[in-house]
Amino acid sequence: MVALLRAVRLRALLLFLLAFGLGVLSTCTAASSSASAQSSPKSFSGISTGATPEGFRYMSGGIGLEEREIMESWGADYNVKLAFAELSGNYVSDVKVVMEDQNGKDIISATTNGPWLYVRLPPGTYNVKATFEGEIKEIRDLRLSEGDRVLRYLHWEID
């Protein structure tokens, strides 16, 4: 059992190291792209990372315990975490998320490939619209101060 636990931890560390490199590469690619387009997300083991031309990094995934554990370990680099679920508590995926700055400018537009979305944003006030199966949930006036870390859950009633 101890050997199995060590193997799982080693695999998680290797995945982290490899994906961290992909995240850095994705950020560099985004910085050199045009100001009107977001970078193509990079994916590793179901976890997708990307960045906007302005440098706002994001990470999406979390299908299965292993992915969620890896994302938790990488999550320290992000200051916003959004989690998406049914009212029953079951996670949902393929959520269309649009985040706007205080001036109404879209700064993040992504469709999640898992129930978690991490974003790195500068201090400010933001609005979030999340759409799942045609139903929109909103977070208004999400305030971030220097050093803040924010977690918000969005729930949908699924028949």
Protein backbone atom coordinates (compact mmCIF):
# COMPACT_ATOMS: atom_id res chain seq x y z
CA MET A 1 0.00 0.00 0.00
CA VAL A 2 2.83 2.40 0.88
CA ALA A 3 4.53 1.61 -2.45
CA LEU A 4 1.31 2.36 -4.32
CA LEU A 5 0.91 5.68 -2.47
CA ARG A 6 4.50 6.62 -3.31
CA ALA A 7 3.93 5.74 -6.97
CA VAL A 8 0.81 7.91 -7.09
CA ARG A 9 2.66 10.83 -5.48
CA LEU A 10 5.60 10.43 -7.87
CA ARG A 11 3.23 10.38 -10.85
CA ALA A 12 1.48 13.52 -9.57
CA LEU A 13 4.84 15.26 -9.17
CA LEU A 14 5.90 14.28 -12.70
CA LEU A 15 2.58 15.47 -14.10
CA PHE A 16 2.99 18.75 -12.22
CA LEU A 17 6.50 19.32 -13.56
CA LEU A 18 5.51 18.54 -17.12
CA ALA A 19 2.31 20.58 -17.01
CA PHE A 20 4.07 23.51 -15.31
CA GLY A 21 6.35 23.69 -18.34
CA LEU A 22 3.33 23.61 -20.65
CA GLY A 23 1.69 26.40 -18.64
CA VAL A 24 4.79 28.58 -18.97
CA LEU A 25 4.95 27.81 -22.70
CA SER A 26 1.26 28.65 -23.06
CA THR A 27 1.73 31.98 -21.27
CA CYS A 28 4.68 32.89 -23.48
CA THR A 29 2.73 31.97 -26.60
CA ALA A 30 -0.21 34.12 -25.49
CA ALA A 31 1.97 37.14 -24.87
CA SER A 32 3.13 37.07 -28.46
CA SER A 33 -0.33 36.61 -29.99
CA SER A 34 -2.57 39.40 -31.20
CA ALA A 35 -4.43 41.48 -28.62
CA SER A 36 -7.83 40.37 -29.88
CA ALA A 37 -7.37 36.61 -29.49
CA GLN A 38 -6.78 34.34 -26.56
CA SER A 39 -4.08 31.70 -26.66
CA SER A 40 -4.95 28.18 -27.65
CA PRO A 41 -5.25 26.24 -24.43
CA LYS A 42 -2.62 23.62 -23.77
CA SER A 43 -3.87 20.35 -22.37
CA PHE A 44 -2.20 17.72 -20.28
CA SER A 45 -3.98 14.79 -18.70
CA GLY A 46 -7.33 16.56 -19.06
CA ILE A 47 -6.11 19.77 -17.44
CA SER A 48 -6.17 22.70 -19.82
CA THR A 49 -4.14 25.87 -19.31
CA GLY A 50 -4.11 29.10 -21.27
CA ALA A 51 -3.62 32.82 -21.08
CA THR A 52 -5.15 35.89 -22.63
CA PRO A 53 -3.01 38.32 -24.66
CA GLU A 54 -3.02 40.56 -21.57
CA GLY A 55 -1.41 37.72 -19.60
CA PHE A 56 -4.40 36.59 -17.52
CA ARG A 57 -3.67 32.91 -16.94
CA TYR A 58 -6.34 30.28 -16.43
CA MET A 59 -6.54 26.53 -15.82
CA SER A 60 -9.54 24.25 -16.25
CA GLY A 61 -10.21 20.61 -15.46
CA GLY A 62 -10.86 18.53 -12.39
CA ILE A 63 -12.57 15.44 -13.76
CA GLY A 64 -11.63 12.72 -11.33
CA LEU A 65 -9.80 12.82 -8.03
CA GLU A 66 -6.32 12.69 -9.56
CA GLU A 67 -6.92 15.78 -11.71
CA ARG A 68 -8.40 17.67 -8.78
CA GLU A 69 -5.39 16.82 -6.59
CA ILE A 70 -3.00 18.04 -9.28
CA MET A 71 -5.00 21.22 -9.81
CA GLU A 72 -5.04 21.89 -6.06
CA SER A 73 -1.25 21.67 -6.04
CA TRP A 74 -0.99 24.09 -8.98
CA GLY A 75 -3.75 26.33 -7.64
CA ALA A 76 -1.42 28.43 -5.51
CA ASP A 77 -0.48 30.35 -8.68
CA TYR A 78 -4.08 31.52 -9.15
CA ASN A 79 -6.22 33.86 -7.06
CA VAL A 80 -9.72 32.92 -8.31
CA LYS A 81 -11.23 29.44 -8.25
CA LEU A 82 -14.69 28.78 -9.65
CA ALA A 83 -16.38 25.41 -9.09
CA PHE A 84 -19.42 24.25 -11.05
CA ALA A 85 -21.96 21.68 -9.83
CA GLU A 86 -25.55 20.57 -9.75
CA LEU A 87 -27.55 21.45 -6.63
CA SER A 88 -27.17 17.76 -5.70
CA GLY A 89 -23.42 18.31 -5.50
CA ASN A 90 -22.43 16.43 -8.67
CA TYR A 91 -19.85 18.37 -10.62
CA VAL A 92 -20.60 19.65 -14.14
CA SER A 93 -18.31 20.37 -17.06
CA ASP A 94 -18.49 22.25 -20.38
CA VAL A 95 -19.49 25.49 -18.68
CA LYS A 96 -19.08 28.60 -20.83
CA VAL A 97 -17.46 31.28 -18.67
CA VAL A 98 -17.07 34.96 -19.52
CA MET A 99 -15.33 37.29 -17.08
CA GLU A 100 -15.49 41.07 -17.50
CA ASP A 101 -13.45 43.80 -15.87
CA GLN A 102 -15.11 46.77 -14.14
CA ASN A 103 -15.41 48.55 -17.49
CA GLY A 104 -17.41 45.69 -19.03
CA LYS A 105 -14.52 44.45 -21.20
CA ASP A 106 -14.36 40.67 -21.64
CA ILE A 107 -11.04 39.50 -20.25
CA ILE A 108 -11.63 35.72 -20.08
CA SER A 109 -13.83 33.67 -22.36
CA ALA A 110 -13.48 29.92 -22.03
CA THR A 111 -15.44 26.69 -21.92
CA THR A 112 -14.36 24.46 -19.06
CA ASN A 113 -13.27 20.90 -19.60
CA GLY A 114 -13.99 20.06 -15.99
CA PRO A 115 -15.79 21.40 -12.93
CA TRP A 116 -13.01 23.76 -11.85
CA LEU A 117 -11.70 26.96 -13.37
CA TYR A 118 -8.72 28.77 -11.86
CA VAL A 119 -7.85 32.30 -12.99
CA ARG A 120 -5.02 34.70 -12.11
CA LEU A 121 -6.30 38.30 -12.09
CA PRO A 122 -4.92 41.61 -10.84
CA PRO A 123 -6.72 43.48 -8.04
CA GLY A 124 -10.03 44.90 -9.25
CA THR A 125 -13.74 44.24 -9.58
CA TYR A 126 -15.05 41.63 -12.00
CA ASN A 127 -18.33 40.18 -13.24
CA VAL A 128 -18.66 36.50 -14.11
CA LYS A 129 -21.25 34.84 -16.34
CA ALA A 130 -21.32 31.06 -16.42
CA THR A 131 -23.65 29.23 -18.79
CA PHE A 132 -24.50 25.55 -18.49
CA GLU A 133 -27.18 23.88 -20.61
CA GLY A 134 -28.55 27.31 -21.56
CA GLU A 135 -28.95 28.57 -17.99
CA ILE A 136 -26.83 31.56 -16.93
CA LYS A 137 -25.48 32.08 -13.42
CA GLU A 138 -23.80 35.38 -12.54
CA ILE A 139 -21.40 36.70 -9.96
CA ARG A 140 -21.55 40.49 -9.80
CA ASP A 141 -18.84 42.69 -8.32
CA LEU A 142 -16.30 39.98 -7.52
CA ARG A 143 -13.71 42.08 -5.70
CA LEU A 144 -10.05 41.15 -5.56
CA SER A 145 -7.52 42.99 -3.42
CA GLU A 146 -3.78 42.39 -3.43
CA GLY A 147 -3.10 38.99 -1.88
CA ASP A 148 -6.75 37.83 -2.02
CA ARG A 149 -7.71 34.28 -2.96
CA VAL A 150 -11.38 33.80 -3.86
CA LEU A 151 -13.44 30.62 -4.16
CA ARG A 152 -16.97 30.72 -5.58
CA TYR A 153 -19.39 27.89 -6.31
CA LEU A 154 -22.03 28.09 -9.01
CA HIS A 155 -24.87 25.56 -8.89
CA TRP A 156 -27.49 24.51 -11.42
CA GLU A 157 -30.72 22.65 -10.84
CA ILE A 158 -30.60 19.71 -13.24
CA ASP A 159 -33.71 17.57 -13.85
